[in-house]
């Protein structure tokens, strides 16, 4: 399965990925409407990248009571069916890397949909922080990335 591989140590925090994402999906450059988030860790000077990692066992889909989050059988991508979403936010709470957000004005959630297989963020990243590669979502490397990202984001931004 083609997934986005992340090399956070290469990230300079330019936020081009956030701007191109919101522009492609919403027609405006707004970091709040981006499906990828660059979180600055001021204590250590690092940038943490919050984007859907397409978990092998997606907690977001498992907790969705209205069936709005499902894995596409052809692409393997977990996406949101906006017509089913009621905006309850249970998937937001369940996501280990904070990759799901709520459209305040629409009362539905949104997350990375891989731009139909050719992510805009990957195309624009000048430092190859984001690269599309064949990756097994159940691989030990991917599980470690999920755990480490979840731990770092949680420690720095949500549990301090």
Protein backbone atom coordinates (compact mmCIF):
# COMPACT_ATOMS: atom_id res chain seq x y z
CA UNK A 1 0.00 0.00 0.00
CA UNK A 2 1.33 3.47 -0.86
CA UNK A 3 1.55 5.57 2.28
CA UNK A 4 3.25 8.78 3.30
CA UNK A 5 6.60 8.19 4.93
CA UNK A 6 7.69 10.96 7.29
CA UNK A 7 11.21 12.20 8.01
CA UNK A 8 10.49 14.81 10.73
CA UNK A 9 14.15 15.70 11.29
CA UNK A 10 14.20 17.21 7.76
CA UNK A 11 11.26 19.54 8.52
CA UNK A 12 12.09 23.26 8.75
CA UNK A 13 8.55 24.26 9.67
CA UNK A 14 7.92 26.19 6.42
CA UNK A 15 4.27 25.03 6.49
CA UNK A 16 4.01 24.82 2.69
CA UNK A 17 2.34 21.43 3.18
CA UNK A 18 -0.38 22.97 5.36
CA UNK A 19 -1.07 25.79 2.93
CA UNK A 20 -1.21 23.63 -0.20
CA UNK A 21 -3.44 21.10 1.59
CA UNK A 22 -6.05 23.65 2.62
CA UNK A 23 -5.87 25.32 -0.78
CA UNK A 24 -6.43 22.01 -2.58
CA UNK A 25 -9.33 20.96 -0.34
CA UNK A 26 -10.92 24.25 0.73
CA UNK A 27 -9.82 26.77 -1.87
CA UNK A 28 -8.05 28.90 0.73
CA UNK A 29 -4.69 28.90 2.48
CA UNK A 30 -5.60 28.31 6.10
CA UNK A 31 -3.60 26.18 8.51
CA UNK A 32 -6.78 25.51 10.50
CA UNK A 33 -8.33 23.81 7.46
CA UNK A 34 -5.29 21.73 6.60
CA UNK A 35 -5.33 17.97 6.94
CA UNK A 36 -1.66 18.01 7.92
CA UNK A 37 -0.39 19.94 10.92
CA UNK A 38 3.12 21.05 11.73
CA UNK A 39 3.46 21.32 15.50
CA UNK A 40 6.49 23.22 16.77
CA UNK A 41 8.20 21.80 19.82
CA UNK A 42 9.77 24.97 21.19
CA UNK A 43 11.53 23.19 24.04
CA UNK A 44 13.66 21.04 21.72
CA UNK A 45 13.39 23.06 18.49
CA UNK A 46 11.77 20.23 16.55
CA UNK A 47 8.75 20.09 14.28
CA UNK A 48 6.26 17.31 14.79
CA UNK A 49 4.07 16.28 11.87
CA UNK A 50 0.49 15.31 12.53
CA UNK A 51 -1.05 13.55 9.52
CA UNK A 52 -3.13 10.41 9.20
CA UNK A 53 -0.77 7.45 9.31
CA UNK A 54 -3.43 5.03 8.05
CA UNK A 55 -3.20 2.76 11.08
CA UNK A 56 -3.41 -0.98 10.44
CA UNK A 57 -6.26 -1.08 12.98
CA UNK A 58 -7.77 2.41 12.81
CA UNK A 59 -9.24 3.38 16.17
CA UNK A 60 -11.02 6.30 14.51
CA UNK A 61 -13.12 3.97 12.33
CA UNK A 62 -13.67 1.54 15.19
CA UNK A 63 -15.11 4.28 17.43
CA UNK A 64 -17.25 5.96 14.75
CA UNK A 65 -20.82 5.22 15.80
CA UNK A 66 -22.38 6.45 12.55
CA UNK A 67 -20.12 4.53 10.13
CA UNK A 68 -18.66 7.68 8.56
CA UNK A 69 -15.04 6.47 8.67
CA UNK A 70 -14.20 3.45 6.55
CA UNK A 71 -11.23 1.92 4.78
CA UNK A 72 -11.56 1.91 0.99
CA UNK A 73 -11.21 -1.67 -0.28
CA UNK A 74 -9.26 -0.59 -3.38
CA UNK A 75 -6.87 2.02 -1.98
CA UNK A 76 -6.75 0.99 1.68
CA UNK A 77 -7.20 4.63 2.73
CA UNK A 78 -9.45 5.41 5.69
CA UNK A 79 -11.64 8.34 4.73
CA UNK A 80 -14.64 10.29 5.99
CA UNK A 81 -18.06 9.99 4.37
CA UNK A 82 -19.32 13.50 5.10
CA UNK A 83 -22.93 12.50 4.41
CA UNK A 84 -22.81 10.10 7.38
CA UNK A 85 -20.74 12.16 9.84
CA UNK A 86 -22.66 13.73 12.72
CA UNK A 87 -19.67 15.60 14.18
CA UNK A 88 -19.72 13.80 17.54
CA UNK A 89 -15.90 13.90 17.76
CA UNK A 90 -15.37 10.36 19.04
CA UNK A 91 -12.93 9.68 16.19
CA UNK A 92 -10.97 12.82 17.14
CA UNK A 93 -10.53 11.50 20.68
CA UNK A 94 -9.55 8.05 19.39
CA UNK A 95 -6.86 9.20 16.94
CA UNK A 96 -3.43 8.62 18.49
CA UNK A 97 -1.74 11.30 16.37
CA UNK A 98 -4.43 14.02 16.41
CA UNK A 99 -4.88 13.73 12.65
CA UNK A 100 -8.64 14.33 12.65
CA UNK A 101 -10.25 17.72 13.18
CA UNK A 102 -13.73 19.20 13.29
CA UNK A 103 -15.04 21.68 10.75
CA UNK A 104 -16.68 24.08 13.16
CA UNK A 105 -18.90 25.61 10.48
CA UNK A 106 -20.00 22.25 8.99
CA UNK A 107 -20.16 20.12 12.18
CA UNK A 108 -18.32 17.25 10.49
CA UNK A 109 -14.80 15.89 10.80
CA UNK A 110 -12.02 15.94 8.24
CA UNK A 111 -8.71 14.12 7.83
CA UNK A 112 -6.10 13.39 5.19
CA UNK A 113 -7.55 11.60 2.18
CA UNK A 114 -4.22 11.31 0.34
CA UNK A 115 -5.60 13.62 -2.38
CA UNK A 116 -6.82 10.65 -4.36
CA UNK A 117 -3.39 8.99 -4.30
CA UNK A 118 -1.16 11.94 -5.18
CA UNK A 119 -0.90 14.09 -2.03
CA UNK A 120 -0.31 17.78 -2.61
CA UNK A 121 1.77 18.02 0.57
CA UNK A 122 4.21 15.39 -0.73
CA UNK A 123 4.53 17.17 -4.06
CA UNK A 124 5.34 20.56 -2.54
CA UNK A 125 7.64 19.56 0.33
CA UNK A 126 11.05 21.05 -0.56
CA UNK A 127 13.00 18.87 1.89
CA UNK A 128 11.36 15.50 1.20
CA UNK A 129 9.98 15.32 4.72
CA UNK A 130 6.95 13.62 3.16
CA UNK A 131 7.47 10.86 0.58
CA UNK A 132 5.02 8.34 -0.91
CA UNK A 133 6.31 4.78 -0.60
CA UNK A 134 5.01 1.23 -0.60
CA UNK A 135 4.61 0.54 3.10
CA UNK A 136 2.86 -2.19 5.03
CA UNK A 137 0.71 -0.38 7.62
CA UNK A 138 1.11 -3.38 9.94
CA UNK A 139 4.93 -3.38 9.72
CA UNK A 140 6.94 -2.97 12.89
CA UNK A 141 8.54 0.20 11.48
CA UNK A 142 5.13 1.78 10.86
CA UNK A 143 3.92 0.75 14.33
CA UNK A 144 7.00 2.39 15.87
CA UNK A 145 6.35 5.59 13.92
CA UNK A 146 2.75 5.61 15.15
CA UNK A 147 3.78 5.01 18.76
CA UNK A 148 6.60 7.58 18.71
CA UNK A 149 4.49 10.24 16.98
CA UNK A 150 1.63 9.63 19.40
CA UNK A 151 3.97 9.85 22.40
CA UNK A 152 5.70 13.04 21.25
CA UNK A 153 2.51 14.84 20.28
CA UNK A 154 0.84 13.76 23.50
CA UNK A 155 3.74 14.80 25.71
CA UNK A 156 4.33 18.15 24.08
CA UNK A 157 0.85 19.34 23.26
CA UNK A 158 -1.90 17.58 25.10
CA UNK A 159 -0.75 16.16 28.42
CA UNK A 160 1.69 18.72 29.76
